Amino acid sequence: MDNDRSATINIGGQQHELILTTKATKEVARRYGGLENLGDKLLKSENFEMALDEIIWLITLLANQSILIHNLKNKEAPKDVLTEDEVELLTSPLELATYKSAITEAMFKGTKRNIESEDNSKNTEAE
C-alpha cells in the first residue's frame, strides 16, 4: 500500500496496514461526531471494557480500509475483511496498547496537509 497514508501493525501474525480513508472518516464521524471527538471518547469511556471495544472497532475499521482498497483493485483475488471478533481473539490487551502509535500515525497521515507557498514576486519587490 502507500506508506505516505498508512501505518502497519501485526494482528495474529499477519501484517495489516491502518489507513484513514474518506470512508473511514465518515464512519468515525457517524460514531463520534468527527475526528476531533475521537480522542475524548477513547479517553473518557465509562469503563475498561468500553474502552477496549472502541479501540477494537477503530483498529478493525482502519485495518479493513487497506483490505477494501486491495479488493477494489484486485476483484479476481479478494481478501476477507477483519471482524471485531477476529481482532479480539488475535490480540492481547497489551498489543492493543502498543497499536496506539500506529493508530495515531495513520490518523495523522490521513489528515496531513502539504502546504506550499506560492512564489508571489509582488511581495518581494522593493518599493
N, C-alpha and C. Protein backbone atom coordinates (compact mmCIF):
# COMPACT_ATOMS: atom_id res chain seq x y z
N MET A 1 0.85 -1.17 0.00
CA MET A 1 0.00 0.00 0.00
C MET A 1 0.89 1.24 0.00
N ASP A 2 0.34 2.38 0.26
CA ASP A 2 1.03 3.66 0.19
C ASP A 2 1.52 4.06 1.58
N ASN A 3 2.84 4.00 1.81
CA ASN A 3 3.40 4.32 3.13
C ASN A 3 3.15 5.76 3.54
N ASP A 4 2.84 6.63 2.58
CA ASP A 4 2.52 8.02 2.92
C ASP A 4 1.16 8.12 3.59
N ARG A 5 0.36 7.08 3.48
CA ARG A 5 -1.00 7.11 4.03
C ARG A 5 -1.24 6.09 5.12
N SER A 6 -0.29 5.21 5.40
CA SER A 6 -0.60 4.09 6.29
C SER A 6 0.43 3.88 7.39
N ALA A 7 0.01 3.11 8.38
CA ALA A 7 0.89 2.61 9.45
C ALA A 7 0.63 1.11 9.53
N THR A 8 1.62 0.34 9.92
CA THR A 8 1.49 -1.12 9.90
C THR A 8 1.46 -1.69 11.31
N ILE A 9 0.56 -2.67 11.52
CA ILE A 9 0.50 -3.41 12.78
C ILE A 9 0.44 -4.90 12.45
N ASN A 10 0.69 -5.71 13.47
CA ASN A 10 0.64 -7.16 13.31
C ASN A 10 -0.56 -7.69 14.11
N ILE A 11 -1.46 -8.37 13.42
CA ILE A 11 -2.62 -8.99 14.07
C ILE A 11 -2.59 -10.47 13.75
N GLY A 12 -2.42 -11.28 14.78
CA GLY A 12 -2.41 -12.73 14.59
C GLY A 12 -1.33 -13.22 13.65
N GLY A 13 -0.17 -12.56 13.65
CA GLY A 13 0.93 -12.98 12.80
C GLY A 13 0.88 -12.45 11.38
N GLN A 14 -0.10 -11.61 11.06
CA GLN A 14 -0.20 -11.03 9.73
C GLN A 14 -0.10 -9.51 9.82
N GLN A 15 0.65 -8.95 8.88
CA GLN A 15 0.78 -7.51 8.81
C GLN A 15 -0.51 -6.91 8.25
N HIS A 16 -0.97 -5.84 8.88
CA HIS A 16 -2.14 -5.10 8.41
C HIS A 16 -1.81 -3.62 8.40
N GLU A 17 -2.20 -2.98 7.32
CA GLU A 17 -1.98 -1.55 7.21
C GLU A 17 -3.21 -0.81 7.70
N LEU A 18 -2.98 0.16 8.54
CA LEU A 18 -4.05 1.03 9.01
C LEU A 18 -4.07 2.26 8.12
N ILE A 19 -5.22 2.55 7.53
CA ILE A 19 -5.34 3.69 6.64
C ILE A 19 -6.59 4.47 7.00
N LEU A 20 -6.44 5.79 7.10
CA LEU A 20 -7.60 6.66 7.29
C LEU A 20 -8.03 7.14 5.91
N THR A 21 -9.12 6.57 5.43
CA THR A 21 -9.68 6.96 4.15
C THR A 21 -10.86 7.90 4.39
N THR A 22 -11.40 8.44 3.32
CA THR A 22 -12.61 9.25 3.44
C THR A 22 -13.75 8.39 3.98
N LYS A 23 -13.83 7.15 3.52
CA LYS A 23 -14.87 6.23 4.01
C LYS A 23 -14.74 6.01 5.52
N ALA A 24 -13.51 5.80 5.99
CA ALA A 24 -13.28 5.59 7.42
C ALA A 24 -13.60 6.87 8.20
N THR A 25 -13.24 8.02 7.65
CA THR A 25 -13.53 9.29 8.31
C THR A 25 -15.03 9.48 8.48
N LYS A 26 -15.80 9.09 7.47
CA LYS A 26 -17.27 9.18 7.58
C LYS A 26 -17.80 8.26 8.67
N GLU A 27 -17.22 7.06 8.80
CA GLU A 27 -17.64 6.13 9.85
C GLU A 27 -17.32 6.67 11.24
N VAL A 28 -16.13 7.27 11.37
CA VAL A 28 -15.74 7.86 12.65
C VAL A 28 -16.69 9.02 12.98
N ALA A 29 -17.01 9.84 11.98
CA ALA A 29 -17.93 10.96 12.19
C ALA A 29 -19.31 10.47 12.61
N ARG A 30 -19.76 9.38 12.01
CA ARG A 30 -21.06 8.81 12.37
C ARG A 30 -21.07 8.35 13.83
N ARG A 31 -19.98 7.75 14.24
CA ARG A 31 -19.91 7.17 15.58
C ARG A 31 -19.60 8.19 16.67
N TYR A 32 -18.72 9.15 16.34
CA TYR A 32 -18.24 10.09 17.36
C TYR A 32 -18.60 11.55 17.11
N GLY A 33 -19.12 11.85 15.94
CA GLY A 33 -19.40 13.23 15.62
C GLY A 33 -18.24 13.94 14.92
N GLY A 34 -17.14 13.24 14.70
CA GLY A 34 -15.99 13.82 14.00
C GLY A 34 -14.69 13.32 14.57
N LEU A 35 -13.61 13.49 13.81
CA LEU A 35 -12.29 13.04 14.25
C LEU A 35 -11.86 13.74 15.53
N GLU A 36 -12.26 15.01 15.67
CA GLU A 36 -11.83 15.77 16.84
C GLU A 36 -12.41 15.20 18.14
N ASN A 37 -13.52 14.45 18.06
CA ASN A 37 -14.15 13.87 19.24
C ASN A 37 -13.63 12.47 19.56
N LEU A 38 -12.86 11.89 18.66
CA LEU A 38 -12.39 10.51 18.82
C LEU A 38 -11.54 10.34 20.07
N GLY A 39 -10.54 11.20 20.25
CA GLY A 39 -9.65 11.09 21.40
C GLY A 39 -10.39 11.19 22.71
N ASP A 40 -11.33 12.14 22.78
CA ASP A 40 -12.13 12.30 24.00
C ASP A 40 -12.92 11.04 24.31
N LYS A 41 -13.52 10.46 23.30
CA LYS A 41 -14.33 9.26 23.50
C LYS A 41 -13.47 8.10 24.00
N LEU A 42 -12.29 7.94 23.40
CA LEU A 42 -11.42 6.84 23.81
C LEU A 42 -10.91 7.04 25.24
N LEU A 43 -10.61 8.26 25.59
CA LEU A 43 -10.07 8.54 26.92
C LEU A 43 -11.14 8.55 28.00
N LYS A 44 -12.38 8.87 27.62
CA LYS A 44 -13.44 9.05 28.62
C LYS A 44 -14.47 7.92 28.60
N SER A 45 -14.11 6.78 28.05
CA SER A 45 -15.04 5.64 28.08
C SER A 45 -15.34 5.30 29.52
N GLU A 46 -16.61 4.93 29.76
CA GLU A 46 -17.07 4.69 31.13
C GLU A 46 -16.30 3.59 31.85
N ASN A 47 -15.87 2.59 31.13
CA ASN A 47 -15.13 1.51 31.79
C ASN A 47 -14.13 0.89 30.82
N PHE A 48 -13.31 0.01 31.35
CA PHE A 48 -12.24 -0.62 30.59
C PHE A 48 -12.79 -1.40 29.40
N GLU A 49 -13.89 -2.13 29.61
CA GLU A 49 -14.48 -2.92 28.52
C GLU A 49 -14.91 -2.03 27.37
N MET A 50 -15.55 -0.90 27.69
CA MET A 50 -15.99 0.02 26.64
C MET A 50 -14.80 0.63 25.91
N ALA A 51 -13.73 0.94 26.65
CA ALA A 51 -12.53 1.49 26.01
C ALA A 51 -11.94 0.47 25.04
N LEU A 52 -11.87 -0.79 25.47
CA LEU A 52 -11.37 -1.84 24.58
C LEU A 52 -12.25 -1.99 23.35
N ASP A 53 -13.57 -1.95 23.54
CA ASP A 53 -14.49 -2.06 22.41
C ASP A 53 -14.24 -0.96 21.39
N GLU A 54 -14.02 0.25 21.86
CA GLU A 54 -13.80 1.37 20.95
C GLU A 54 -12.48 1.23 20.20
N ILE A 55 -11.44 0.81 20.89
CA ILE A 55 -10.13 0.62 20.25
C ILE A 55 -10.21 -0.50 19.23
N ILE A 56 -10.87 -1.60 19.58
CA ILE A 56 -11.02 -2.73 18.65
C ILE A 56 -11.81 -2.30 17.42
N TRP A 57 -12.88 -1.53 17.62
CA TRP A 57 -13.68 -1.03 16.49
C TRP A 57 -12.81 -0.18 15.57
N LEU A 58 -12.02 0.71 16.15
CA LEU A 58 -11.18 1.61 15.36
C LEU A 58 -10.09 0.85 14.61
N ILE A 59 -9.44 -0.09 15.27
CA ILE A 59 -8.40 -0.90 14.61
C ILE A 59 -9.02 -1.68 13.46
N THR A 60 -10.16 -2.29 13.70
CA THR A 60 -10.83 -3.07 12.65
C THR A 60 -11.20 -2.17 11.47
N LEU A 61 -11.74 -1.00 11.75
CA LEU A 61 -12.10 -0.05 10.70
C LEU A 61 -10.89 0.34 9.87
N LEU A 62 -9.82 0.76 10.52
CA LEU A 62 -8.63 1.24 9.80
C LEU A 62 -7.91 0.12 9.07
N ALA A 63 -7.84 -1.06 9.68
CA ALA A 63 -7.18 -2.20 9.02
C ALA A 63 -7.99 -2.67 7.81
N ASN A 64 -9.30 -2.59 7.89
CA ASN A 64 -10.13 -3.03 6.77
C ASN A 64 -10.05 -2.10 5.57
N GLN A 65 -9.62 -0.87 5.77
CA GLN A 65 -9.52 0.05 4.63
C GLN A 65 -8.52 -0.46 3.60
N SER A 66 -7.37 -0.96 4.07
CA SER A 66 -6.37 -1.47 3.12
C SER A 66 -6.89 -2.73 2.42
N ILE A 67 -7.66 -3.54 3.14
CA ILE A 67 -8.25 -4.75 2.53
C ILE A 67 -9.29 -4.36 1.48
N LEU A 68 -10.11 -3.38 1.80
CA LEU A 68 -11.13 -2.92 0.84
C LEU A 68 -10.49 -2.29 -0.39
N ILE A 69 -9.41 -1.56 -0.20
CA ILE A 69 -8.68 -0.98 -1.34
C ILE A 69 -8.10 -2.10 -2.20
N HIS A 70 -7.49 -3.11 -1.55
CA HIS A 70 -6.97 -4.27 -2.28
C HIS A 70 -8.09 -4.93 -3.08
N ASN A 71 -9.23 -5.15 -2.44
CA ASN A 71 -10.35 -5.83 -3.12
C ASN A 71 -10.88 -5.01 -4.29
N LEU A 72 -10.87 -3.71 -4.17
CA LEU A 72 -11.31 -2.84 -5.26
C LEU A 72 -10.37 -2.96 -6.46
N LYS A 73 -9.08 -3.05 -6.18
CA LYS A 73 -8.09 -3.12 -7.25
C LYS A 73 -7.83 -4.54 -7.75
N ASN A 74 -8.22 -5.54 -6.98
CA ASN A 74 -7.96 -6.95 -7.32
C ASN A 74 -9.24 -7.76 -7.18
N LYS A 75 -10.20 -7.46 -8.02
CA LYS A 75 -11.51 -8.11 -7.92
C LYS A 75 -11.44 -9.63 -8.10
N GLU A 76 -10.40 -10.11 -8.78
CA GLU A 76 -10.27 -11.55 -9.01
C GLU A 76 -9.67 -12.29 -7.81
N ALA A 77 -9.06 -11.54 -6.87
CA ALA A 77 -8.43 -12.17 -5.71
C ALA A 77 -8.73 -11.37 -4.44
N PRO A 78 -10.00 -11.31 -4.06
CA PRO A 78 -10.35 -10.53 -2.87
C PRO A 78 -9.87 -11.20 -1.58
N LYS A 79 -9.64 -10.36 -0.58
CA LYS A 79 -9.28 -10.84 0.75
C LYS A 79 -10.48 -10.64 1.67
N ASP A 80 -10.58 -11.47 2.70
CA ASP A 80 -11.64 -11.31 3.68
C ASP A 80 -11.32 -10.13 4.59
N VAL A 81 -12.36 -9.35 4.90
CA VAL A 81 -12.17 -8.26 5.84
C VAL A 81 -12.11 -8.83 7.26
N LEU A 82 -11.48 -8.08 8.14
CA LEU A 82 -11.39 -8.48 9.54
C LEU A 82 -12.72 -8.18 10.24
N THR A 83 -13.04 -8.99 11.22
CA THR A 83 -14.18 -8.70 12.07
C THR A 83 -13.65 -8.26 13.43
N GLU A 84 -14.49 -7.60 14.20
CA GLU A 84 -14.09 -7.20 15.54
C GLU A 84 -13.80 -8.44 16.39
N ASP A 85 -14.56 -9.50 16.19
CA ASP A 85 -14.31 -10.75 16.93
C ASP A 85 -12.92 -11.30 16.63
N GLU A 86 -12.53 -11.27 15.36
CA GLU A 86 -11.20 -11.75 14.99
C GLU A 86 -10.11 -10.90 15.64
N VAL A 87 -10.28 -9.59 15.62
CA VAL A 87 -9.29 -8.72 16.24
C VAL A 87 -9.21 -9.00 17.73
N GLU A 88 -10.35 -9.20 18.38
CA GLU A 88 -10.36 -9.52 19.81
C GLU A 88 -9.63 -10.82 20.11
N LEU A 89 -9.87 -11.85 19.28
CA LEU A 89 -9.26 -13.16 19.51
C LEU A 89 -7.78 -13.21 19.17
N LEU A 90 -7.36 -12.41 18.21
CA LEU A 90 -5.98 -12.47 17.73
C LEU A 90 -5.05 -11.45 18.38
N THR A 91 -5.56 -10.68 19.34
CA THR A 91 -4.73 -9.69 20.02
C THR A 91 -4.84 -9.84 21.53
N SER A 92 -3.89 -9.22 22.21
CA SER A 92 -3.95 -9.14 23.67
C SER A 92 -4.16 -7.67 24.04
N PRO A 93 -4.63 -7.41 25.25
CA PRO A 93 -4.77 -6.00 25.68
C PRO A 93 -3.45 -5.23 25.59
N LEU A 94 -2.34 -5.91 25.87
CA LEU A 94 -1.04 -5.25 25.77
C LEU A 94 -0.75 -4.84 24.32
N GLU A 95 -1.06 -5.72 23.38
CA GLU A 95 -0.86 -5.39 21.97
C GLU A 95 -1.73 -4.21 21.56
N LEU A 96 -2.97 -4.18 22.03
CA LEU A 96 -3.86 -3.07 21.69
C LEU A 96 -3.26 -1.75 22.15
N ALA A 97 -2.64 -1.76 23.32
CA ALA A 97 -2.00 -0.54 23.83
C ALA A 97 -0.84 -0.12 22.94
N THR A 98 -0.10 -1.08 22.40
CA THR A 98 1.04 -0.74 21.54
C THR A 98 0.59 -0.25 20.16
N TYR A 99 -0.64 -0.54 19.78
CA TYR A 99 -1.16 -0.09 18.49
C TYR A 99 -1.51 1.40 18.50
N LYS A 100 -1.51 2.01 19.68
CA LYS A 100 -1.90 3.42 19.79
C LYS A 100 -1.07 4.30 18.87
N SER A 101 0.25 4.07 18.84
CA SER A 101 1.10 4.91 18.00
C SER A 101 0.80 4.69 16.52
N ALA A 102 0.48 3.46 16.12
CA ALA A 102 0.15 3.18 14.72
C ALA A 102 -1.18 3.84 14.35
N ILE A 103 -2.14 3.81 15.27
CA ILE A 103 -3.43 4.47 15.03
C ILE A 103 -3.20 5.97 14.85
N THR A 104 -2.42 6.55 15.76
CA THR A 104 -2.12 7.98 15.69
C THR A 104 -1.41 8.32 14.39
N GLU A 105 -0.45 7.48 13.99
CA GLU A 105 0.30 7.71 12.75
C GLU A 105 -0.63 7.66 11.54
N ALA A 106 -1.51 6.66 11.49
CA ALA A 106 -2.45 6.53 10.36
C ALA A 106 -3.39 7.72 10.31
N MET A 107 -3.87 8.16 11.47
CA MET A 107 -4.78 9.31 11.51
C MET A 107 -4.05 10.58 11.06
N PHE A 108 -2.82 10.75 11.54
CA PHE A 108 -2.04 11.91 11.15
C PHE A 108 -1.78 11.93 9.65
N LYS A 109 -1.34 10.79 9.12
CA LYS A 109 -1.05 10.71 7.70
C LYS A 109 -2.31 10.92 6.86
N GLY A 110 -3.44 10.46 7.37
CA GLY A 110 -4.68 10.62 6.63
C GLY A 110 -5.22 12.03 6.62
N THR A 111 -4.77 12.84 7.58
CA THR A 111 -5.29 14.20 7.67
C THR A 111 -4.24 15.26 7.39
N LYS A 112 -2.99 14.85 7.13
CA LYS A 112 -1.95 15.86 6.93
C LYS A 112 -2.19 16.65 5.65
N ARG A 113 -1.73 17.85 5.71
CA ARG A 113 -1.86 18.73 4.55
C ARG A 113 -0.46 19.16 4.13
N ASN A 114 -0.20 19.07 2.85
CA ASN A 114 1.05 19.57 2.32
C ASN A 114 0.81 21.00 1.86
N ILE A 115 1.35 21.94 2.59
CA ILE A 115 1.13 23.35 2.27
C ILE A 115 2.35 23.89 1.55
N GLU A 116 2.11 24.46 0.40
CA GLU A 116 3.18 25.07 -0.36
C GLU A 116 2.85 26.54 -0.54
N SER A 117 3.84 27.39 -0.35
CA SER A 117 3.58 28.81 -0.56
C SER A 117 3.87 29.16 -2.01
N GLU A 118 3.05 30.06 -2.52
CA GLU A 118 3.23 30.49 -3.89
C GLU A 118 4.34 31.52 -3.95
N ASP A 119 5.05 31.49 -5.06
CA ASP A 119 6.07 32.49 -5.29
C ASP A 119 5.35 33.74 -5.77
N ASN A 120 5.23 34.71 -4.88
CA ASN A 120 4.50 35.92 -5.20
C ASN A 120 5.49 37.07 -5.25
N SER A 121 5.93 37.38 -6.45
CA SER A 121 7.00 38.36 -6.62
C SER A 121 6.58 39.75 -6.19
N LYS A 122 5.30 40.08 -6.19
CA LYS A 122 4.90 41.44 -5.83
C LYS A 122 5.19 41.71 -4.35
N ASN A 123 5.21 40.66 -3.52
CA ASN A 123 5.52 40.84 -2.11
C ASN A 123 7.01 40.97 -1.86
N THR A 124 7.82 40.60 -2.82
CA THR A 124 9.27 40.64 -2.61
C THR A 124 9.91 41.82 -3.33
N GLU A 125 9.16 42.54 -4.14
CA GLU A 125 9.72 43.68 -4.87
C GLU A 125 9.93 44.84 -3.94
N ALA A 126 11.00 45.52 -4.13
CA ALA A 126 11.26 46.74 -3.35
C ALA A 126 10.39 47.86 -3.88
N GLU A 127 9.88 48.69 -2.97
CA GLU A 127 9.02 49.79 -3.41
C GLU A 127 9.78 51.04 -3.61
